[in-house]
Amino acid sequence: MRYEVRITTGAECDLVEITAFLAEREGLAVAEGVLQGLLDCAGDLARFPERGSFPKELLKLGIREFRQALCQPYRLVYRIAGNQVFVLLVADGRRDFQSLLERRLLRD
């Protein structure tokens, strides 16, 4: 079964912010390379979304609704609904992920 991957508005904003930050710090070529890697990682979810792990921060709360794909150092957090995969969050895994997940996924 092939899934349709949809990148939410929040995740799109994350990608724009990551790209702008990297372009300023590392240059446009690096930023574009990282962006393409993240998009490829999201695209891979069309074939095997179940292979993603559950974010440990959410498992502590007993939540198994979301999964993550790792594209070091970034984490793509997504949810599977029927034959669709919704990418909800893209962030550097070195951030305070507990607070970020609570703010973006649990309060909205």
PDB file of N, CA and C in Angstrom:
ATOM      1  N   MET A   1       0.840  -1.192   0.000  1.00  0.00           N
ATOM      2  CA  MET A   1       0.000   0.000   0.000  1.00  0.00           C
ATOM      3  C   MET A   1       0.878   1.246   0.000  1.00  0.00           C
ATOM      4  N   ARG A   2       0.520   2.183  -0.800  1.00  0.00           N
ATOM      5  CA  ARG A   2       1.247   3.452  -0.852  1.00  0.00           C
ATOM      6  C   ARG A   2       0.402   4.521  -0.169  1.00  0.00           C
ATOM      7  N   TYR A   3       1.045   5.324   0.665  1.00  0.00           N
ATOM      8  CA  TYR A   3       0.382   6.370   1.424  1.00  0.00           C
ATOM      9  C   TYR A   3       0.601   7.716   0.747  1.00  0.00           C
ATOM     10  N   GLU A   4      -0.344   8.609   0.929  1.00  0.00           N
ATOM     11  CA  GLU A   4      -0.192   9.984   0.470  1.00  0.00           C
ATOM     12  C   GLU A   4       0.428  10.780   1.616  1.00  0.00           C
ATOM     13  N   VAL A   5       1.545  11.434   1.348  1.00  0.00           N
ATOM     14  CA  VAL A   5       2.225  12.228   2.368  1.00  0.00           C
ATOM     15  C   VAL A   5       1.805  13.685   2.206  1.00  0.00           C
ATOM     16  N   ARG A   6       1.319  14.252   3.307  1.00  0.00           N
ATOM     17  CA  ARG A   6       0.886  15.649   3.309  1.00  0.00           C
ATOM     18  C   ARG A   6       1.689  16.404   4.362  1.00  0.00           C
ATOM     19  N   ILE A   7       2.252  17.494   3.965  1.00  0.00           N
ATOM     20  CA  ILE A   7       3.015  18.327   4.891  1.00  0.00           C
ATOM     21  C   ILE A   7       2.087  19.454   5.350  1.00  0.00           C
ATOM     22  N   THR A   8       1.843  19.517   6.645  1.00  0.00           N
ATOM     23  CA  THR A   8       0.928  20.513   7.197  1.00  0.00           C
ATOM     24  C   THR A   8       1.543  21.909   7.128  1.00  0.00           C
ATOM     25  N   THR A   9       0.710  22.892   7.345  1.00  0.00           N
ATOM     26  CA  THR A   9       1.167  24.285   7.340  1.00  0.00           C
ATOM     27  C   THR A   9       2.251  24.500   8.400  1.00  0.00           C
ATOM     28  N   GLY A  10       2.057  23.921   9.580  1.00  0.00           N
ATOM     29  CA  GLY A  10       3.060  24.055  10.635  1.00  0.00           C
ATOM     30  C   GLY A  10       4.401  23.482  10.222  1.00  0.00           C
ATOM     31  N   ALA A  11       4.391  22.317   9.585  1.00  0.00           N
ATOM     32  CA  ALA A  11       5.641  21.697   9.136  1.00  0.00           C
ATOM     33  C   ALA A  11       6.274  22.490   7.994  1.00  0.00           C
ATOM     34  N   GLU A  12       5.436  23.057   7.128  1.00  0.00           N
ATOM     35  CA  GLU A  12       5.971  23.912   6.064  1.00  0.00           C
ATOM     36  C   GLU A  12       6.698  25.118   6.658  1.00  0.00           C
ATOM     37  N   CYS A  13       6.102  25.717   7.680  1.00  0.00           N
ATOM     38  CA  CYS A  13       6.744  26.850   8.359  1.00  0.00           C
ATOM     39  C   CYS A  13       8.069  26.423   8.978  1.00  0.00           C
ATOM     40  N   ASP A  14       8.082  25.225   9.562  1.00  0.00           N
ATOM     41  CA  ASP A  14       9.327  24.707  10.138  1.00  0.00           C
ATOM     42  C   ASP A  14      10.408  24.605   9.062  1.00  0.00           C
ATOM     43  N   LEU A  15      10.046  24.083   7.901  1.00  0.00           N
ATOM     44  CA  LEU A  15      11.015  23.925   6.809  1.00  0.00           C
ATOM     45  C   LEU A  15      11.534  25.274   6.329  1.00  0.00           C
ATOM     46  N   VAL A  16      10.655  26.252   6.237  1.00  0.00           N
ATOM     47  CA  VAL A  16      11.072  27.602   5.823  1.00  0.00           C
ATOM     48  C   VAL A  16      12.055  28.177   6.846  1.00  0.00           C
ATOM     49  N   GLU A  17      11.734  28.031   8.135  1.00  0.00           N
ATOM     50  CA  GLU A  17      12.620  28.561   9.186  1.00  0.00           C
ATOM     51  C   GLU A  17      13.974  27.868   9.186  1.00  0.00           C
ATOM     52  N   ILE A  18      13.979  26.558   9.043  1.00  0.00           N
ATOM     53  CA  ILE A  18      15.238  25.800   9.018  1.00  0.00           C
ATOM     54  C   ILE A  18      16.077  26.237   7.829  1.00  0.00           C
ATOM     55  N   THR A  19      15.444  26.345   6.671  1.00  0.00           N
ATOM     56  CA  THR A  19      16.170  26.739   5.460  1.00  0.00           C
ATOM     57  C   THR A  19      16.736  28.155   5.584  1.00  0.00           C
ATOM     58  N   ALA A  20      15.948  29.084   6.095  1.00  0.00           N
ATOM     59  CA  ALA A  20      16.420  30.466   6.252  1.00  0.00           C
ATOM     60  C   ALA A  20      17.585  30.537   7.237  1.00  0.00           C
ATOM     61  N   PHE A  21      17.466  29.812   8.341  1.00  0.00           N
ATOM     62  CA  PHE A  21      18.526  29.801   9.345  1.00  0.00           C
ATOM     63  C   PHE A  21      19.829  29.261   8.744  1.00  0.00           C
ATOM     64  N   LEU A  22      19.722  28.128   8.054  1.00  0.00           N
ATOM     65  CA  LEU A  22      20.923  27.530   7.471  1.00  0.00           C
ATOM     66  C   LEU A  22      21.507  28.376   6.349  1.00  0.00           C
ATOM     67  N   ALA A  23      20.650  28.998   5.558  1.00  0.00           N
ATOM     68  CA  ALA A  23      21.143  29.849   4.469  1.00  0.00           C
ATOM     69  C   ALA A  23      21.969  31.006   5.025  1.00  0.00           C
ATOM     70  N   GLU A  24      21.503  31.564   6.126  1.00  0.00           N
ATOM     71  CA  GLU A  24      22.215  32.680   6.747  1.00  0.00           C
ATOM     72  C   GLU A  24      23.534  32.232   7.369  1.00  0.00           C
ATOM     73  N   ARG A  25      23.519  31.072   8.014  1.00  0.00           N
ATOM     74  CA  ARG A  25      24.708  30.601   8.746  1.00  0.00           C
ATOM     75  C   ARG A  25      25.699  29.815   7.892  1.00  0.00           C
ATOM     76  N   GLU A  26      25.152  28.980   7.004  1.00  0.00           N
ATOM     77  CA  GLU A  26      26.008  28.030   6.282  1.00  0.00           C
ATOM     78  C   GLU A  26      26.053  28.265   4.772  1.00  0.00           C
ATOM     79  N   GLY A  27      25.131  29.074   4.277  1.00  0.00           N
ATOM     80  CA  GLY A  27      25.065  29.331   2.839  1.00  0.00           C
ATOM     81  C   GLY A  27      23.876  28.641   2.196  1.00  0.00           C
ATOM     82  N   LEU A  28      23.496  29.162   1.049  1.00  0.00           N
ATOM     83  CA  LEU A  28      22.312  28.687   0.350  1.00  0.00           C
ATOM     84  C   LEU A  28      22.443  27.232  -0.098  1.00  0.00           C
ATOM     85  N   ALA A  29      23.607  26.843  -0.563  1.00  0.00           N
ATOM     86  CA  ALA A  29      23.794  25.467  -1.049  1.00  0.00           C
ATOM     87  C   ALA A  29      23.564  24.450   0.074  1.00  0.00           C
ATOM     88  N   VAL A  30      24.085  24.738   1.255  1.00  0.00           N
ATOM     89  CA  VAL A  30      23.889  23.852   2.399  1.00  0.00           C
ATOM     90  C   VAL A  30      22.410  23.806   2.777  1.00  0.00           C
ATOM     91  N   ALA A  31      21.777  24.974   2.828  1.00  0.00           N
ATOM     92  CA  ALA A  31      20.360  25.049   3.185  1.00  0.00           C
ATOM     93  C   ALA A  31      19.501  24.246   2.216  1.00  0.00           C
ATOM     94  N   GLU A  32      19.776  24.403   0.927  1.00  0.00           N
ATOM     95  CA  GLU A  32      18.999  23.672  -0.076  1.00  0.00           C
ATOM     96  C   GLU A  32      19.236  22.168   0.021  1.00  0.00           C
ATOM     97  N   GLY A  33      20.457  21.769   0.329  1.00  0.00           N
ATOM     98  CA  GLY A  33      20.760  20.349   0.494  1.00  0.00           C
ATOM     99  C   GLY A  33      20.028  19.737   1.675  1.00  0.00           C
ATOM    100  N   VAL A  34      20.000  20.470   2.781  1.00  0.00           N
ATOM    101  CA  VAL A  34      19.290  19.983   3.967  1.00  0.00           C
ATOM    102  C   VAL A  34      17.792  19.920   3.682  1.00  0.00           C
ATOM    103  N   LEU A  35      17.257  20.947   3.038  1.00  0.00           N
ATOM    104  CA  LEU A  35      15.834  20.952   2.696  1.00  0.00           C
ATOM    105  C   LEU A  35      15.487  19.750   1.819  1.00  0.00           C
ATOM    106  N   GLN A  36      16.299  19.481   0.815  1.00  0.00           N
ATOM    107  CA  GLN A  36      16.029  18.339  -0.061  1.00  0.00           C
ATOM    108  C   GLN A  36      16.092  17.028   0.716  1.00  0.00           C
ATOM    109  N   GLY A  37      17.042  16.916   1.632  1.00  0.00           N
ATOM    110  CA  GLY A  37      17.133  15.717   2.466  1.00  0.00           C
ATOM    111  C   GLY A  37      15.890  15.526   3.326  1.00  0.00           C
ATOM    112  N   LEU A  38      15.385  16.609   3.888  1.00  0.00           N
ATOM    113  CA  LEU A  38      14.173  16.535   4.714  1.00  0.00           C
ATOM    114  C   LEU A  38      12.952  16.170   3.867  1.00  0.00           C
ATOM    115  N   LEU A  39      12.856  16.735   2.677  1.00  0.00           N
ATOM    116  CA  LEU A  39      11.743  16.404   1.789  1.00  0.00           C
ATOM    117  C   LEU A  39      11.822  14.944   1.330  1.00  0.00           C
ATOM    118  N   ASP A  40      13.026  14.470   1.074  1.00  0.00           N
ATOM    119  CA  ASP A  40      13.210  13.060   0.706  1.00  0.00           C
ATOM    120  C   ASP A  40      12.796  12.151   1.849  1.00  0.00           C
ATOM    121  N   CYS A  41      13.174  12.524   3.060  1.00  0.00           N
ATOM    122  CA  CYS A  41      12.812  11.751   4.253  1.00  0.00           C
ATOM    123  C   CYS A  41      11.288  11.697   4.390  1.00  0.00           C
ATOM    124  N   ALA A  42      10.633  12.822   4.186  1.00  0.00           N
ATOM    125  CA  ALA A  42       9.168  12.853   4.246  1.00  0.00           C
ATOM    126  C   ALA A  42       8.577  11.999   3.131  1.00  0.00           C
ATOM    127  N   GLY A  43       9.145  12.082   1.952  1.00  0.00           N
ATOM    128  CA  GLY A  43       8.661  11.299   0.823  1.00  0.00           C
ATOM    129  C   GLY A  43       8.772   9.800   1.040  1.00  0.00           C
ATOM    130  N   ASP A  44       9.808   9.385   1.764  1.00  0.00           N
ATOM    131  CA  ASP A  44       9.989   7.960   2.064  1.00  0.00           C
ATOM    132  C   ASP A  44       8.848   7.397   2.901  1.00  0.00           C
ATOM    133  N   LEU A  45       8.135   8.252   3.603  1.00  0.00           N
ATOM    134  CA  LEU A  45       7.023   7.802   4.446  1.00  0.00           C
ATOM    135  C   LEU A  45       5.867   7.257   3.610  1.00  0.00           C
ATOM    136  N   ALA A  46       5.860   7.542   2.317  1.00  0.00           N
ATOM    137  CA  ALA A  46       4.789   7.053   1.449  1.00  0.00           C
ATOM    138  C   ALA A  46       4.799   5.527   1.354  1.00  0.00           C
ATOM    139  N   ARG A  47       5.950   4.930   1.567  1.00  0.00           N
ATOM    140  CA  ARG A  47       6.044   3.474   1.436  1.00  0.00           C
ATOM    141  C   ARG A  47       5.940   2.745   2.766  1.00  0.00           C
ATOM    142  N   PHE A  48       6.627   3.214   3.782  1.00  0.00           N
ATOM    143  CA  PHE A  48       6.680   2.481   5.047  1.00  0.00           C
ATOM    144  C   PHE A  48       6.541   3.400   6.257  1.00  0.00           C
ATOM    145  N   PRO A  49       5.401   4.056   6.433  1.00  0.00           N
ATOM    146  CA  PRO A  49       5.282   4.989   7.560  1.00  0.00           C
ATOM    147  C   PRO A  49       5.294   4.298   8.927  1.00  0.00           C
ATOM    148  N   GLU A  50       4.911   3.038   8.971  1.00  0.00           N
ATOM    149  CA  GLU A  50       4.861   2.334  10.260  1.00  0.00           C
ATOM    150  C   GLU A  50       6.243   2.056  10.844  1.00  0.00           C
ATOM    151  N   ARG A  51       7.278   2.156  10.036  1.00  0.00           N
ATOM    152  CA  ARG A  51       8.610   1.860  10.559  1.00  0.00           C
ATOM    153  C   ARG A  51       9.169   2.979  11.443  1.00  0.00           C
ATOM    154  N   GLY A  52       8.518   4.122  11.435  1.00  0.00           N
ATOM    155  CA  GLY A  52       8.961   5.218  12.292  1.00  0.00           C
ATOM    156  C   GLY A  52       8.730   4.887  13.759  1.00  0.00           C
ATOM    157  N   SER A  53       9.599   5.387  14.596  1.00  0.00           N
ATOM    158  CA  SER A  53       9.479   5.128  16.035  1.00  0.00           C
ATOM    159  C   SER A  53       8.525   6.126  16.679  1.00  0.00           C
ATOM    160  N   PHE A  54       8.104   5.795  17.887  1.00  0.00           N
ATOM    161  CA  PHE A  54       7.266   6.713  18.659  1.00  0.00           C
ATOM    162  C   PHE A  54       8.184   7.675  19.404  1.00  0.00           C
ATOM    163  N   PRO A  55       7.912   8.975  19.364  1.00  0.00           N
ATOM    164  CA  PRO A  55       8.749   9.925  20.118  1.00  0.00           C
ATOM    165  C   PRO A  55       8.731   9.574  21.609  1.00  0.00           C
ATOM    166  N   LYS A  56       9.909   9.425  22.187  1.00  0.00           N
ATOM    167  CA  LYS A  56      10.014   9.009  23.596  1.00  0.00           C
ATOM    168  C   LYS A  56       9.325   9.992  24.533  1.00  0.00           C
ATOM    169  N   GLU A  57       9.322  11.268  24.155  1.00  0.00           N
ATOM    170  CA  GLU A  57       8.680  12.282  24.991  1.00  0.00           C
ATOM    171  C   GLU A  57       7.174  12.047  25.096  1.00  0.00           C
ATOM    172  N   LEU A  58       6.580  11.521  24.029  1.00  0.00           N
ATOM    173  CA  LEU A  58       5.150  11.238  24.041  1.00  0.00           C
ATOM    174  C   LEU A  58       4.849   9.874  24.655  1.00  0.00           C
ATOM    175  N   LEU A  59       5.757   8.929  24.466  1.00  0.00           N
ATOM    176  CA  LEU A  59       5.567   7.611  25.084  1.00  0.00           C
ATOM    177  C   LEU A  59       5.494   7.724  26.603  1.00  0.00           C
ATOM    178  N   LYS A  60       6.277   8.648  27.161  1.00  0.00           N
ATOM    179  CA  LYS A  60       6.233   8.871  28.615  1.00  0.00           C
ATOM    180  C   LYS A  60       4.837   9.252  29.080  1.00  0.00           C
ATOM    181  N   LEU A  61       4.075   9.874  28.180  1.00  0.00           N
ATOM    182  CA  LEU A  61       2.713  10.314  28.496  1.00  0.00           C
ATOM    183  C   LEU A  61       1.670   9.279  28.060  1.00  0.00           C
ATOM    184  N   GLY A  62       2.142   8.155  27.526  1.00  0.00           N
ATOM    185  CA  GLY A  62       1.234   7.105  27.070  1.00  0.00           C
ATOM    186  C   GLY A  62       0.607   7.395  25.717  1.00  0.00           C
ATOM    187  N   ILE A  63       1.187   8.301  24.957  1.00  0.00           N
ATOM    188  CA  ILE A  63       0.634   8.688  23.646  1.00  0.00           C
ATOM    189  C   ILE A  63       1.378   7.949  22.544  1.00  0.00           C
ATOM    190  N   ARG A  64       0.619   7.186  21.750  1.00  0.00           N
ATOM    191  CA  ARG A  64       1.186   6.415  20.649  1.00  0.00           C
ATOM    192  C   ARG A  64       0.539   6.788  19.318  1.00  0.00           C
ATOM    193  N   GLU A  65       0.022   7.974  19.258  1.00  0.00           N
ATOM    194  CA  GLU A  65      -0.676   8.448  18.070  1.00  0.00           C
ATOM    195  C   GLU A  65       0.284   9.008  17.019  1.00  0.00           C
ATOM    196  N   PHE A  66       1.465   9.426  17.449  1.00  0.00           N
ATOM    197  CA  PHE A  66       2.425  10.073  16.570  1.00  0.00           C
ATOM    198  C   PHE A  66       3.672   9.215  16.428  1.00  0.00           C
ATOM    199  N   ARG A  67       4.315   9.345  15.289  1.00  0.00           N
ATOM    200  CA  ARG A  67       5.577   8.658  15.025  1.00  0.00           C
ATOM    201  C   ARG A  67       6.595   9.697  14.574  1.00  0.00           C
ATOM    202  N   GLN A  68       7.840   9.250  14.464  1.00  0.00           N
ATOM    203  CA  GLN A  68       8.882  10.154  14.010  1.00  0.00           C
ATOM    204  C   GLN A  68       9.808   9.453  13.035  1.00  0.00           C
ATOM    205  N   ALA A  69      10.324  10.239  12.117  1.00  0.00           N
ATOM    206  CA  ALA A  69      11.368   9.795  11.199  1.00  0.00           C
ATOM    207  C   ALA A  69      12.586  10.648  11.507  1.00  0.00           C
ATOM    208  N   LEU A  70      13.732  10.031  11.573  1.00  0.00           N
ATOM    209  CA  LEU A  70      14.962  10.750  11.891  1.00  0.00           C
ATOM    210  C   LEU A  70      15.734  11.049  10.620  1.00  0.00           C
ATOM    211  N   CYS A  71      16.106  12.288  10.484  1.00  0.00           N
ATOM    212  CA  CYS A  71      16.931  12.765   9.387  1.00  0.00           C
ATOM    213  C   CYS A  71      17.958  13.668  10.065  1.00  0.00           C
ATOM    214  N   GLN A  72      18.933  13.052  10.694  1.00  0.00           N
ATOM    215  CA  GLN A  72      19.848  13.679  11.635  1.00  0.00           C
ATOM    216  C   GLN A  72      20.354  15.040  11.171  1.00  0.00           C
ATOM    217  N   PRO A  73      20.326  16.029  12.017  1.00  0.00           N
ATOM    218  CA  PRO A  73      19.883  16.007  13.410  1.00  0.00           C
ATOM    219  C   PRO A  73      18.395  16.322  13.568  1.00  0.00           C
ATOM    220  N   TYR A  74      17.652  16.267  12.467  1.00  0.00           N
ATOM    221  CA  TYR A  74      16.245  16.667  12.496  1.00  0.00           C
ATOM    222  C   TYR A  74      15.317  15.484  12.760  1.00  0.00           C
ATOM    223  N   ARG A  75      14.158  15.816  13.299  1.00  0.00           N
ATOM    224  CA  ARG A  75      13.112  14.830  13.546  1.00  0.00           C
ATOM    225  C   ARG A  75      11.838  15.311  12.859  1.00  0.00           C
ATOM    226  N   LEU A  76      11.226  14.438  12.092  1.00  0.00           N
ATOM    227  CA  LEU A  76       9.942  14.714  11.458  1.00  0.00           C
ATOM    228  C   LEU A  76       8.896  13.950  12.254  1.00  0.00           C
ATOM    229  N   VAL A  77       7.964  14.644  12.828  1.00  0.00           N
ATOM    230  CA  VAL A  77       6.904  14.013  13.611  1.00  0.00           C
ATOM    231  C   VAL A  77       5.655  13.981  12.746  1.00  0.00           C
ATOM    232  N   TYR A  78       5.044  12.801  12.682  1.00  0.00           N
ATOM    233  CA  TYR A  78       3.906  12.627  11.800  1.00  0.00           C
ATOM    234  C   TYR A  78       2.852  11.719  12.417  1.00  0.00           C
ATOM    235  N   ARG A  79       1.690  11.708  11.752  1.00  0.00           N
ATOM    236  CA  ARG A  79       0.568  10.882  12.188  1.00  0.00           C
ATOM    237  C   ARG A  79       0.014  10.179  10.961  1.00  0.00           C
ATOM    238  N   ILE A  80      -0.324   8.920  11.120  1.00  0.00           N
ATOM    239  CA  ILE A  80      -0.915   8.146  10.037  1.00  0.00           C
ATOM    240  C   ILE A  80      -2.432   8.141  10.239  1.00  0.00           C
ATOM    241  N   ALA A  81      -3.160   8.480   9.186  1.00  0.00           N
ATOM    242  CA  ALA A  81      -4.624   8.471   9.234  1.00  0.00           C
ATOM    243  C   ALA A  81      -5.114   7.830   7.940  1.00  0.00           C
ATOM    244  N   GLY A  82      -5.590   6.605   8.029  1.00  0.00           N
ATOM    245  CA  GLY A  82      -6.023   5.890   6.840  1.00  0.00           C
ATOM    246  C   GLY A  82      -4.858   5.669   5.907  1.00  0.00           C
ATOM    247  N   ASN A  83      -4.986   6.144   4.675  1.00  0.00           N
ATOM    248  CA  ASN A  83      -3.888   5.994   3.710  1.00  0.00           C
ATOM    249  C   ASN A  83      -3.103   7.296   3.542  1.00  0.00           C
ATOM    250  N   GLN A  84      -3.193   8.165   4.539  1.00  0.00           N
ATOM    251  CA  GLN A  84      -2.468   9.430   4.499  1.00  0.00           C
ATOM    252  C   GLN A  84      -1.498   9.542   5.674  1.00  0.00           C
ATOM    253  N   VAL A  85      -0.399  10.215   5.421  1.00  0.00           N
ATOM    254  CA  VAL A  85       0.597  10.527   6.443  1.00  0.00           C
ATOM    255  C   VAL A  85       0.677  12.039   6.521  1.00  0.00           C
ATOM    256  N   PHE A  86       0.454  12.563   7.715  1.00  0.00           N
ATOM    257  CA  PHE A  86       0.505  14.008   7.926  1.00  0.00           C
ATOM    258  C   PHE A  86       1.776  14.356   8.682  1.00  0.00           C
ATOM    259  N   VAL A  87       2.692  15.067   8.026  1.00  0.00           N
ATOM    260  CA  VAL A  87       3.901  15.547   8.691  1.00  0.00           C
ATOM    261  C   VAL A  87       3.490  16.810   9.446  1.00  0.00           C
ATOM    262  N   LEU A  88       3.634  16.757  10.760  1.00  0.00           N
ATOM    263  CA  LEU A  88       3.130  17.821  11.623  1.00  0.00           C
ATOM    264  C   LEU A  88       4.205  18.762  12.135  1.00  0.00           C
ATOM    265  N   LEU A  89       5.421  18.257  12.226  1.00  0.00           N
ATOM    266  CA  LEU A  89       6.484  19.024  12.873  1.00  0.00           C
ATOM    267  C   LEU A  89       7.821  18.590  12.308  1.00  0.00           C
ATOM    268  N   VAL A  90       8.682  19.550  12.029  1.00  0.00           N
ATOM    269  CA  VAL A  90      10.058  19.282  11.624  1.00  0.00           C
ATOM    270  C   VAL A  90      10.929  20.170  12.490  1.00  0.00           C
ATOM    271  N   ALA A  91      11.816  19.556  13.251  1.00  0.00           N
ATOM    272  CA  ALA A  91      12.648  20.361  14.157  1.00  0.00           C
ATOM    273  C   ALA A  91      13.979  19.673  14.419  1.00  0.00           C
ATOM    274  N   ASP A  92      14.920  20.469  14.815  1.00  0.00           N
ATOM    275  CA  ASP A  92      16.231  19.962  15.222  1.00  0.00           C
ATOM    276  C   ASP A  92      16.041  19.134  16.488  1.00  0.00           C
ATOM    277  N   GLY A  93      16.486  17.912  16.459  1.00  0.00           N
ATOM    278  CA  GLY A  93      16.325  17.000  17.585  1.00  0.00           C
ATOM    279  C   GLY A  93      17.081  17.418  18.833  1.00  0.00           C
ATOM    280  N   ARG A  94      17.949  18.396  18.720  1.00  0.00           N
ATOM    281  CA  ARG A  94      18.705  18.854  19.893  1.00  0.00           C
ATOM    282  C   ARG A  94      17.939  19.903  20.691  1.00  0.00           C
ATOM    283  N   ARG A  95      16.779  20.296  20.193  1.00  0.00           N
ATOM    284  CA  ARG A  95      15.944  21.269  20.913  1.00  0.00           C
ATOM    285  C   ARG A  95      15.235  20.596  22.079  1.00  0.00           C
ATOM    286  N   ASP A  96      14.587  21.407  22.888  1.00  0.00           N
ATOM    287  CA  ASP A  96      13.760  20.893  23.985  1.00  0.00           C
ATOM    288  C   ASP A  96      12.494  20.318  23.360  1.00  0.00           C
ATOM    289  N   PHE A  97      12.562  19.062  22.981  1.00  0.00           N
ATOM    290  CA  PHE A  97      11.474  18.447  22.239  1.00  0.00           C
ATOM    291  C   PHE A  97      10.231  18.241  23.086  1.00  0.00           C
ATOM    292  N   GLN A  98      10.389  18.021  24.358  1.00  0.00           N
ATOM    293  CA  GLN A  98       9.227  17.831  25.229  1.00  0.00           C
ATOM    294  C   GLN A  98       8.311  19.048  25.160  1.00  0.00           C
ATOM    295  N   SER A  99       8.867  20.216  25.343  1.00  0.00           N
ATOM    296  CA  SER A  99       8.075  21.451  25.304  1.00  0.00           C
ATOM    297  C   SER A  99       7.525  21.713  23.909  1.00  0.00           C
ATOM    298  N   LEU A 100       8.335  21.472  22.910  1.00  0.00           N
ATOM    299  CA  LEU A 100       7.914  21.696  21.537  1.00  0.00           C
ATOM    300  C   LEU A 100       6.735  20.797  21.162  1.00  0.00           C
ATOM    301  N   LEU A 101       6.808  19.532  21.508  1.00  0.00           N
ATOM    302  CA  LEU A 101       5.718  18.603  21.210  1.00  0.00           C
ATOM    303  C   LEU A 101       4.446  18.969  21.962  1.00  0.00           C
ATOM    304  N   GLU A 102       4.595  19.326  23.216  1.00  0.00           N
ATOM    305  CA  GLU A 102       3.423  19.718  24.005  1.00  0.00           C
ATOM    306  C   GLU A 102       2.752  20.941  23.393  1.00  0.00           C
ATOM    307  N   ARG A 103       3.549  21.908  23.001  1.00  0.00           N
ATOM    308  CA  ARG A 103       3.012  23.145  22.452  1.00  0.00           C
ATOM    309  C   ARG A 103       2.362  22.913  21.084  1.00  0.00           C
ATOM    310  N   ARG A 104       3.001  22.155  20.226  1.00  0.00           N
ATOM    311  CA  ARG A 104       2.526  22.018  18.843  1.00  0.00           C
ATOM    312  C   ARG A 104       1.516  20.907  18.636  1.00  0.00           C
ATOM    313  N   LEU A 105       1.630  19.809  19.368  1.00  0.00           N
ATOM    314  CA  LEU A 105       0.763  18.669  19.102  1.00  0.00           C
ATOM    315  C   LEU A 105      -0.350  18.470  20.115  1.00  0.00           C
ATOM    316  N   LEU A 106      -0.066  18.767  21.346  1.00  0.00           N
ATOM    317  CA  LEU A 106      -1.041  18.437  22.392  1.00  0.00           C
ATOM    318  C   LEU A 106      -1.967  19.580  22.730  1.00  0.00           C
ATOM    319  N   ARG A 107      -1.570  20.801  22.459  1.00  0.00           N
ATOM    320  CA  ARG A 107      -2.420  21.949  22.799  1.00  0.00           C
ATOM    321  C   ARG A 107      -3.273  22.406  21.646  1.00  0.00           C
ATOM    322  N   ASP A 108      -2.872  22.086  20.406  1.00  0.00           N
ATOM    323  CA  ASP A 108      -3.633  22.530  19.223  1.00  0.00           C
ATOM    324  C   ASP A 108      -4.843  21.670  18.994  1.00  0.00           C
TER     325      ASP A 108
END
